[in-house]
């Protein structure tokens, strides 16, 4: 790996826009926002619906919870995923 690529990865530039790119390819995207109550992790599905997610230690997997509220949708900027 060259230094230029390593610098890009370490600075975060390599990941800019990645979630939007993956979403436009029809993938679910898991993100985090401190402003969302609870643990702040949510998943955006290709249909632009977003749901809180949490890890269930008994089931040993991630579990989808409620859909985000309209205020939470504003926080995460769902319009970028159009």
PDB file of N, CA and C in Angstrom:
ATOM      1  N   UNK A   1       0.856  -1.173   0.000  1.00  0.00           N
ATOM      2  CA  UNK A   1       0.000   0.000   0.000  1.00  0.00           C
ATOM      3  C   UNK A   1       0.903   1.237   0.000  1.00  0.00           C
ATOM      4  N   UNK A   2       0.587   2.159  -0.895  1.00  0.00           N
ATOM      5  CA  UNK A   2       1.420   3.356  -0.951  1.00  0.00           C
ATOM      6  C   UNK A   2       0.989   4.359   0.122  1.00  0.00           C
ATOM      7  N   UNK A   3       1.857   5.296   0.405  1.00  0.00           N
ATOM      8  CA  UNK A   3       1.606   6.278   1.474  1.00  0.00           C
ATOM      9  C   UNK A   3       0.406   7.162   1.189  1.00  0.00           C
ATOM     10  N   UNK A   4       0.208   7.502  -0.080  1.00  0.00           N
ATOM     11  CA  UNK A   4      -0.914   8.359  -0.453  1.00  0.00           C
ATOM     12  C   UNK A   4      -2.249   7.676  -0.120  1.00  0.00           C
ATOM     13  N   UNK A   5      -2.370   6.401  -0.443  1.00  0.00           N
ATOM     14  CA  UNK A   5      -3.591   5.654  -0.143  1.00  0.00           C
ATOM     15  C   UNK A   5      -3.772   5.504   1.363  1.00  0.00           C
ATOM     16  N   UNK A   6      -2.696   5.221   2.063  1.00  0.00           N
ATOM     17  CA  UNK A   6      -2.758   5.094   3.516  1.00  0.00           C
ATOM     18  C   UNK A   6      -3.212   6.406   4.150  1.00  0.00           C
ATOM     19  N   UNK A   7      -2.678   7.533   3.691  1.00  0.00           N
ATOM     20  CA  UNK A   7      -3.093   8.844   4.202  1.00  0.00           C
ATOM     21  C   UNK A   7      -4.577   9.086   3.947  1.00  0.00           C
ATOM     22  N   UNK A   8      -5.052   8.680   2.766  1.00  0.00           N
ATOM     23  CA  UNK A   8      -6.460   8.863   2.413  1.00  0.00           C
ATOM     24  C   UNK A   8      -7.356   8.035   3.336  1.00  0.00           C
ATOM     25  N   UNK A   9      -6.946   6.817   3.623  1.00  0.00           N
ATOM     26  CA  UNK A   9      -7.719   5.949   4.516  1.00  0.00           C
ATOM     27  C   UNK A   9      -7.723   6.502   5.933  1.00  0.00           C
ATOM     28  N   UNK A  10      -6.556   6.883   6.435  1.00  0.00           N
ATOM     29  CA  UNK A  10      -6.448   7.384   7.802  1.00  0.00           C
ATOM     30  C   UNK A  10      -7.185   8.700   7.999  1.00  0.00           C
ATOM     31  N   UNK A  11      -7.258   9.517   6.973  1.00  0.00           N
ATOM     32  CA  UNK A  11      -7.951  10.797   7.088  1.00  0.00           C
ATOM     33  C   UNK A  11      -9.467  10.638   6.969  1.00  0.00           C
ATOM     34  N   UNK A  12      -9.911   9.478   6.505  1.00  0.00           N
ATOM     35  CA  UNK A  12     -11.342   9.246   6.336  1.00  0.00           C
ATOM     36  C   UNK A  12     -11.854   9.599   4.955  1.00  0.00           C
ATOM     37  N   UNK A  13     -10.995  10.203   4.114  1.00  0.00           N
ATOM     38  CA  UNK A  13     -11.427  10.612   2.776  1.00  0.00           C
ATOM     39  C   UNK A  13     -11.857   9.426   1.923  1.00  0.00           C
ATOM     40  N   UNK A  14     -11.261   8.269   2.161  1.00  0.00           N
ATOM     41  CA  UNK A  14     -11.593   7.079   1.368  1.00  0.00           C
ATOM     42  C   UNK A  14     -13.029   6.626   1.606  1.00  0.00           C
ATOM     43  N   UNK A  15     -13.625   7.042   2.714  1.00  0.00           N
ATOM     44  CA  UNK A  15     -14.964   6.589   3.075  1.00  0.00           C
ATOM     45  C   UNK A  15     -16.041   7.639   2.843  1.00  0.00           C
ATOM     46  N   UNK A  16     -15.641   8.845   2.409  1.00  0.00           N
ATOM     47  CA  UNK A  16     -16.615   9.907   2.175  1.00  0.00           C
ATOM     48  C   UNK A  16     -17.589   9.482   1.086  1.00  0.00           C
ATOM     49  N   UNK A  17     -18.876   9.585   1.398  1.00  0.00           N
ATOM     50  CA  UNK A  17     -19.909   9.238   0.427  1.00  0.00           C
ATOM     51  C   UNK A  17     -20.126   7.750   0.231  1.00  0.00           C
ATOM     52  N   UNK A  18     -19.389   6.917   0.963  1.00  0.00           N
ATOM     53  CA  UNK A  18     -19.493   5.467   0.777  1.00  0.00           C
ATOM     54  C   UNK A  18     -20.887   4.947   1.103  1.00  0.00           C
ATOM     55  N   UNK A  19     -21.486   5.430   2.197  1.00  0.00           N
ATOM     56  CA  UNK A  19     -22.810   4.921   2.563  1.00  0.00           C
ATOM     57  C   UNK A  19     -23.849   5.265   1.501  1.00  0.00           C
ATOM     58  N   UNK A  20     -23.766   6.457   0.924  1.00  0.00           N
ATOM     59  CA  UNK A  20     -24.715   6.850  -0.121  1.00  0.00           C
ATOM     60  C   UNK A  20     -24.487   6.005  -1.367  1.00  0.00           C
ATOM     61  N   UNK A  21     -23.229   5.763  -1.718  1.00  0.00           N
ATOM     62  CA  UNK A  21     -22.903   4.940  -2.884  1.00  0.00           C
ATOM     63  C   UNK A  21     -23.455   3.527  -2.703  1.00  0.00           C
ATOM     64  N   UNK A  22     -23.216   2.921  -1.547  1.00  0.00           N
ATOM     65  CA  UNK A  22     -23.711   1.564  -1.293  1.00  0.00           C
ATOM     66  C   UNK A  22     -25.233   1.521  -1.314  1.00  0.00           C
ATOM     67  N   UNK A  23     -25.861   2.533  -0.726  1.00  0.00           N
ATOM     68  CA  UNK A  23     -27.319   2.584  -0.695  1.00  0.00           C
ATOM     69  C   UNK A  23     -27.886   2.670  -2.110  1.00  0.00           C
ATOM     70  N   UNK A  24     -27.276   3.486  -2.956  1.00  0.00           N
ATOM     71  CA  UNK A  24     -27.745   3.611  -4.341  1.00  0.00           C
ATOM     72  C   UNK A  24     -27.547   2.316  -5.126  1.00  0.00           C
ATOM     73  N   UNK A  25     -26.656   1.457  -4.650  1.00  0.00           N
ATOM     74  CA  UNK A  25     -26.451   0.142  -5.267  1.00  0.00           C
ATOM     75  C   UNK A  25     -27.437  -0.889  -4.726  1.00  0.00           C
ATOM     76  N   UNK A  26     -28.376  -0.432  -3.868  1.00  0.00           N
ATOM     77  CA  UNK A  26     -29.402  -1.332  -3.350  1.00  0.00           C
ATOM     78  C   UNK A  26     -29.027  -2.065  -2.073  1.00  0.00           C
ATOM     79  N   UNK A  27     -28.019  -1.577  -1.376  1.00  0.00           N
ATOM     80  CA  UNK A  27     -27.568  -2.223  -0.141  1.00  0.00           C
ATOM     81  C   UNK A  27     -28.174  -1.530   1.080  1.00  0.00           C
ATOM     82  N   UNK A  28     -28.378  -2.307   2.145  1.00  0.00           N
ATOM     83  CA  UNK A  28     -28.720  -1.716   3.441  1.00  0.00           C
ATOM     84  C   UNK A  28     -27.472  -1.040   3.983  1.00  0.00           C
ATOM     85  N   UNK A  29     -27.652   0.060   4.699  1.00  0.00           N
ATOM     86  CA  UNK A  29     -26.523   0.788   5.269  1.00  0.00           C
ATOM     87  C   UNK A  29     -26.774   0.970   6.756  1.00  0.00           C
ATOM     88  N   UNK A  30     -25.792   0.607   7.574  1.00  0.00           N
ATOM     89  CA  UNK A  30     -25.883   0.784   9.021  1.00  0.00           C
ATOM     90  C   UNK A  30     -25.002   1.964   9.401  1.00  0.00           C
ATOM     91  N   UNK A  31     -25.590   2.906  10.137  1.00  0.00           N
ATOM     92  CA  UNK A  31     -24.890   4.124  10.533  1.00  0.00           C
ATOM     93  C   UNK A  31     -25.148   4.435  12.008  1.00  0.00           C
ATOM     94  N   UNK A  32     -24.496   5.457  12.499  1.00  0.00           N
ATOM     95  CA  UNK A  32     -24.653   5.868  13.890  1.00  0.00           C
ATOM     96  C   UNK A  32     -24.808   7.377  13.962  1.00  0.00           C
ATOM     97  N   UNK A  33     -25.699   7.821  14.838  1.00  0.00           N
ATOM     98  CA  UNK A  33     -25.876   9.252  15.087  1.00  0.00           C
ATOM     99  C   UNK A  33     -26.073   9.448  16.581  1.00  0.00           C
ATOM    100  N   UNK A  34     -25.166  10.189  17.206  1.00  0.00           N
ATOM    101  CA  UNK A  34     -25.244  10.435  18.654  1.00  0.00           C
ATOM    102  C   UNK A  34     -26.546  11.116  19.061  1.00  0.00           C
ATOM    103  N   UNK A  35     -27.146  11.868  18.143  1.00  0.00           N
ATOM    104  CA  UNK A  35     -28.353  12.629  18.467  1.00  0.00           C
ATOM    105  C   UNK A  35     -29.608  11.755  18.571  1.00  0.00           C
ATOM    106  N   UNK A  36     -29.508  10.509  18.135  1.00  0.00           N
ATOM    107  CA  UNK A  36     -30.662   9.608  18.203  1.00  0.00           C
ATOM    108  C   UNK A  36     -30.658   8.907  19.562  1.00  0.00           C
ATOM    109  N   UNK A  37     -31.802   8.919  20.252  1.00  0.00           N
ATOM    110  CA  UNK A  37     -31.872   8.292  21.586  1.00  0.00           C
ATOM    111  C   UNK A  37     -31.480   6.816  21.576  1.00  0.00           C
ATOM    112  N   UNK A  38     -31.084   6.333  22.729  1.00  0.00           N
ATOM    113  CA  UNK A  38     -30.666   4.931  22.834  1.00  0.00           C
ATOM    114  C   UNK A  38     -29.234   4.804  22.367  1.00  0.00           C
ATOM    115  N   UNK A  39     -28.984   3.762  21.611  1.00  0.00           N
ATOM    116  CA  UNK A  39     -27.603   3.545  21.179  1.00  0.00           C
ATOM    117  C   UNK A  39     -27.248   4.297  19.901  1.00  0.00           C
ATOM    118  N   UNK A  40     -28.257   4.846  19.212  1.00  0.00           N
ATOM    119  CA  UNK A  40     -27.983   5.689  18.058  1.00  0.00           C
ATOM    120  C   UNK A  40     -27.665   4.972  16.758  1.00  0.00           C
ATOM    121  N   UNK A  41     -27.682   3.635  16.753  1.00  0.00           N
ATOM    122  CA  UNK A  41     -27.425   2.892  15.525  1.00  0.00           C
ATOM    123  C   UNK A  41     -28.722   2.673  14.779  1.00  0.00           C
ATOM    124  N   UNK A  42     -28.652   2.832  13.467  1.00  0.00           N
ATOM    125  CA  UNK A  42     -29.849   2.648  12.652  1.00  0.00           C
ATOM    126  C   UNK A  42     -29.452   2.058  11.303  1.00  0.00           C
ATOM    127  N   UNK A  43     -30.432   1.477  10.644  1.00  0.00           N
ATOM    128  CA  UNK A  43     -30.219   0.885   9.329  1.00  0.00           C
ATOM    129  C   UNK A  43     -31.134   1.591   8.344  1.00  0.00           C
ATOM    130  N   UNK A  44     -30.600   1.904   7.177  1.00  0.00           N
ATOM    131  CA  UNK A  44     -31.401   2.483   6.103  1.00  0.00           C
ATOM    132  C   UNK A  44     -31.519   1.413   5.024  1.00  0.00           C
ATOM    133  N   UNK A  45     -32.756   1.069   4.699  1.00  0.00           N
ATOM    134  CA  UNK A  45     -33.009   0.068   3.664  1.00  0.00           C
ATOM    135  C   UNK A  45     -33.076   0.755   2.298  1.00  0.00           C
ATOM    136  N   UNK A  46     -32.964  -0.012   1.222  1.00  0.00           N
ATOM    137  CA  UNK A  46     -33.021   0.590  -0.121  1.00  0.00           C
ATOM    138  C   UNK A  46     -34.289   1.406  -0.395  1.00  0.00           C
ATOM    139  N   UNK A  47     -35.391   1.113   0.298  1.00  0.00           N
ATOM    140  CA  UNK A  47     -36.638   1.862   0.105  1.00  0.00           C
ATOM    141  C   UNK A  47     -36.659   3.168   0.909  1.00  0.00           C
ATOM    142  N   UNK A  48     -35.518   3.536   1.520  1.00  0.00           N
ATOM    143  CA  UNK A  48     -35.331   4.751   2.328  1.00  0.00           C
ATOM    144  C   UNK A  48     -36.033   4.709   3.673  1.00  0.00           C
ATOM    145  N   UNK A  49     -36.518   3.562   4.102  1.00  0.00           N
ATOM    146  CA  UNK A  49     -37.046   3.417   5.457  1.00  0.00           C
ATOM    147  C   UNK A  49     -35.853   3.183   6.377  1.00  0.00           C
ATOM    148  N   UNK A  50     -35.893   3.806   7.545  1.00  0.00           N
ATOM    149  CA  UNK A  50     -34.791   3.666   8.491  1.00  0.00           C
ATOM    150  C   UNK A  50     -35.323   3.178   9.835  1.00  0.00           C
ATOM    151  N   UNK A  51     -34.593   2.258  10.447  1.00  0.00           N
ATOM    152  CA  UNK A  51     -35.010   1.630  11.695  1.00  0.00           C
ATOM    153  C   UNK A  51     -33.852   1.613  12.685  1.00  0.00           C
ATOM    154  N   UNK A  52     -34.196   1.773  13.966  1.00  0.00           N
ATOM    155  CA  UNK A  52     -33.184   1.609  15.002  1.00  0.00           C
ATOM    156  C   UNK A  52     -32.758   0.145  15.026  1.00  0.00           C
ATOM    157  N   UNK A  53     -31.504  -0.077  15.339  1.00  0.00           N
ATOM    158  CA  UNK A  53     -31.039  -1.454  15.532  1.00  0.00           C
ATOM    159  C   UNK A  53     -30.247  -1.510  16.830  1.00  0.00           C
ATOM    160  N   UNK A  54     -30.227  -2.695  17.400  1.00  0.00           N
ATOM    161  CA  UNK A  54     -29.444  -2.932  18.614  1.00  0.00           C
ATOM    162  C   UNK A  54     -28.937  -4.365  18.573  1.00  0.00           C
ATOM    163  N   UNK A  55     -27.915  -4.630  19.346  1.00  0.00           N
ATOM    164  CA  UNK A  55     -27.381  -5.980  19.418  1.00  0.00           C
ATOM    165  C   UNK A  55     -28.051  -6.703  20.576  1.00  0.00           C
ATOM    166  N   UNK A  56     -28.623  -7.879  20.293  1.00  0.00           N
ATOM    167  CA  UNK A  56     -29.258  -8.712  21.313  1.00  0.00           C
ATOM    168  C   UNK A  56     -28.248  -9.774  21.736  1.00  0.00           C
ATOM    169  N   UNK A  57     -27.758  -9.667  22.961  1.00  0.00           N
ATOM    170  CA  UNK A  57     -26.727 -10.584  23.445  1.00  0.00           C
ATOM    171  C   UNK A  57     -27.248 -11.987  23.668  1.00  0.00           C
ATOM    172  N   UNK A  58     -28.549 -12.143  23.919  1.00  0.00           N
ATOM    173  CA  UNK A  58     -29.125 -13.478  24.083  1.00  0.00           C
ATOM    174  C   UNK A  58     -29.187 -14.190  22.731  1.00  0.00           C
ATOM    175  N   UNK A  59     -29.680 -13.486  21.727  1.00  0.00           N
ATOM    176  CA  UNK A  59     -29.785 -14.063  20.388  1.00  0.00           C
ATOM    177  C   UNK A  59     -28.455 -14.035  19.640  1.00  0.00           C
ATOM    178  N   UNK A  60     -27.544 -13.197  20.115  1.00  0.00           N
ATOM    179  CA  UNK A  60     -26.224 -13.017  19.499  1.00  0.00           C
ATOM    180  C   UNK A  60     -26.332 -12.533  18.057  1.00  0.00           C
ATOM    181  N   UNK A  61     -27.198 -11.523  17.875  1.00  0.00           N
ATOM    182  CA  UNK A  61     -27.320 -10.909  16.558  1.00  0.00           C
ATOM    183  C   UNK A  61     -27.964  -9.530  16.686  1.00  0.00           C
ATOM    184  N   UNK A  62     -27.885  -8.758  15.631  1.00  0.00           N
ATOM    185  CA  UNK A  62     -28.525  -7.443  15.605  1.00  0.00           C
ATOM    186  C   UNK A  62     -30.011  -7.618  15.376  1.00  0.00           C
ATOM    187  N   UNK A  63     -30.793  -6.754  16.034  1.00  0.00           N
ATOM    188  CA  UNK A  63     -32.245  -6.826  15.959  1.00  0.00           C
ATOM    189  C   UNK A  63     -32.777  -5.464  15.525  1.00  0.00           C
ATOM    190  N   UNK A  64     -33.718  -5.480  14.593  1.00  0.00           N
ATOM    191  CA  UNK A  64     -34.341  -4.240  14.120  1.00  0.00           C
ATOM    192  C   UNK A  64     -35.434  -3.828  15.087  1.00  0.00           C
ATOM    193  N   UNK A  65     -35.461  -2.546  15.421  1.00  0.00           N
ATOM    194  CA  UNK A  65     -36.482  -2.001  16.313  1.00  0.00           C
ATOM    195  C   UNK A  65     -37.467  -1.146  15.545  1.00  0.00           C
ATOM    196  N   UNK A  66     -37.883  -0.074  16.165  1.00  0.00           N
ATOM    197  CA  UNK A  66     -38.894   0.799  15.571  1.00  0.00           C
ATOM    198  C   UNK A  66     -38.316   1.632  14.437  1.00  0.00           C
ATOM    199  N   UNK A  67     -39.222   2.124  13.576  1.00  0.00           N
ATOM    200  CA  UNK A  67     -38.825   3.034  12.517  1.00  0.00           C
ATOM    201  C   UNK A  67     -38.464   4.378  13.149  1.00  0.00           C
ATOM    202  N   UNK A  68     -37.552   5.086  12.527  1.00  0.00           N
ATOM    203  CA  UNK A  68     -37.187   6.412  13.022  1.00  0.00           C
ATOM    204  C   UNK A  68     -38.392   7.346  12.953  1.00  0.00           C
ATOM    205  N   UNK A  69     -38.418   8.308  13.862  1.00  0.00           N
ATOM    206  CA  UNK A  69     -39.465   9.329  13.841  1.00  0.00           C
ATOM    207  C   UNK A  69     -39.120  10.353  12.757  1.00  0.00           C
ATOM    208  N   UNK A  70     -40.052  11.224  12.453  1.00  0.00           N
ATOM    209  CA  UNK A  70     -39.804  12.277  11.457  1.00  0.00           C
ATOM    210  C   UNK A  70     -38.651  13.172  11.893  1.00  0.00           C
ATOM    211  N   UNK A  71     -38.572  13.473  13.178  1.00  0.00           N
ATOM    212  CA  UNK A  71     -37.460  14.296  13.688  1.00  0.00           C
ATOM    213  C   UNK A  71     -36.129  13.573  13.513  1.00  0.00           C
ATOM    214  N   UNK A  72     -36.104  12.262  13.764  1.00  0.00           N
ATOM    215  CA  UNK A  72     -34.870  11.488  13.597  1.00  0.00           C
ATOM    216  C   UNK A  72     -34.475  11.405  12.126  1.00  0.00           C
ATOM    217  N   UNK A  73     -35.467  11.296  11.240  1.00  0.00           N
ATOM    218  CA  UNK A  73     -35.161  11.311   9.806  1.00  0.00           C
ATOM    219  C   UNK A  73     -34.462  12.614   9.435  1.00  0.00           C
ATOM    220  N   UNK A  74     -34.895  13.719  10.016  1.00  0.00           N
ATOM    221  CA  UNK A  74     -34.260  15.014   9.741  1.00  0.00           C
ATOM    222  C   UNK A  74     -32.814  15.019  10.244  1.00  0.00           C
ATOM    223  N   UNK A  75     -32.581  14.417  11.401  1.00  0.00           N
ATOM    224  CA  UNK A  75     -31.234  14.358  11.984  1.00  0.00           C
ATOM    225  C   UNK A  75     -30.279  13.615  11.056  1.00  0.00           C
ATOM    226  N   UNK A  76     -30.727  12.480  10.511  1.00  0.00           N
ATOM    227  CA  UNK A  76     -29.836  11.653   9.694  1.00  0.00           C
ATOM    228  C   UNK A  76     -29.738  12.114   8.239  1.00  0.00           C
ATOM    229  N   UNK A  77     -30.584  13.074   7.846  1.00  0.00           N
ATOM    230  CA  UNK A  77     -30.511  13.591   6.475  1.00  0.00           C
ATOM    231  C   UNK A  77     -30.884  12.562   5.436  1.00  0.00           C
ATOM    232  N   UNK A  78     -31.994  11.901   5.637  1.00  0.00           N
ATOM    233  CA  UNK A  78     -32.423  10.822   4.757  1.00  0.00           C
ATOM    234  C   UNK A  78     -32.551  11.267   3.295  1.00  0.00           C
ATOM    235  N   UNK A  79     -32.749  12.561   3.060  1.00  0.00           N
ATOM    236  CA  UNK A  79     -32.907  13.043   1.680  1.00  0.00           C
ATOM    237  C   UNK A  79     -31.649  12.783   0.832  1.00  0.00           C
ATOM    238  N   UNK A  80     -30.504  12.597   1.470  1.00  0.00           N
ATOM    239  CA  UNK A  80     -29.274  12.310   0.732  1.00  0.00           C
ATOM    240  C   UNK A  80     -29.289  10.916   0.114  1.00  0.00           C
ATOM    241  N   UNK A  81     -30.210  10.088   0.579  1.00  0.00           N
ATOM    242  CA  UNK A  81     -30.280   8.703   0.110  1.00  0.00           C
ATOM    243  C   UNK A  81     -31.325   8.513  -0.975  1.00  0.00           C
ATOM    244  N   UNK A  82     -31.763   9.609  -1.602  1.00  0.00           N
ATOM    245  CA  UNK A  82     -32.790   9.538  -2.654  1.00  0.00           C
ATOM    246  C   UNK A  82     -32.235   8.883  -3.901  1.00  0.00           C
TER     247      UNK A  82
END
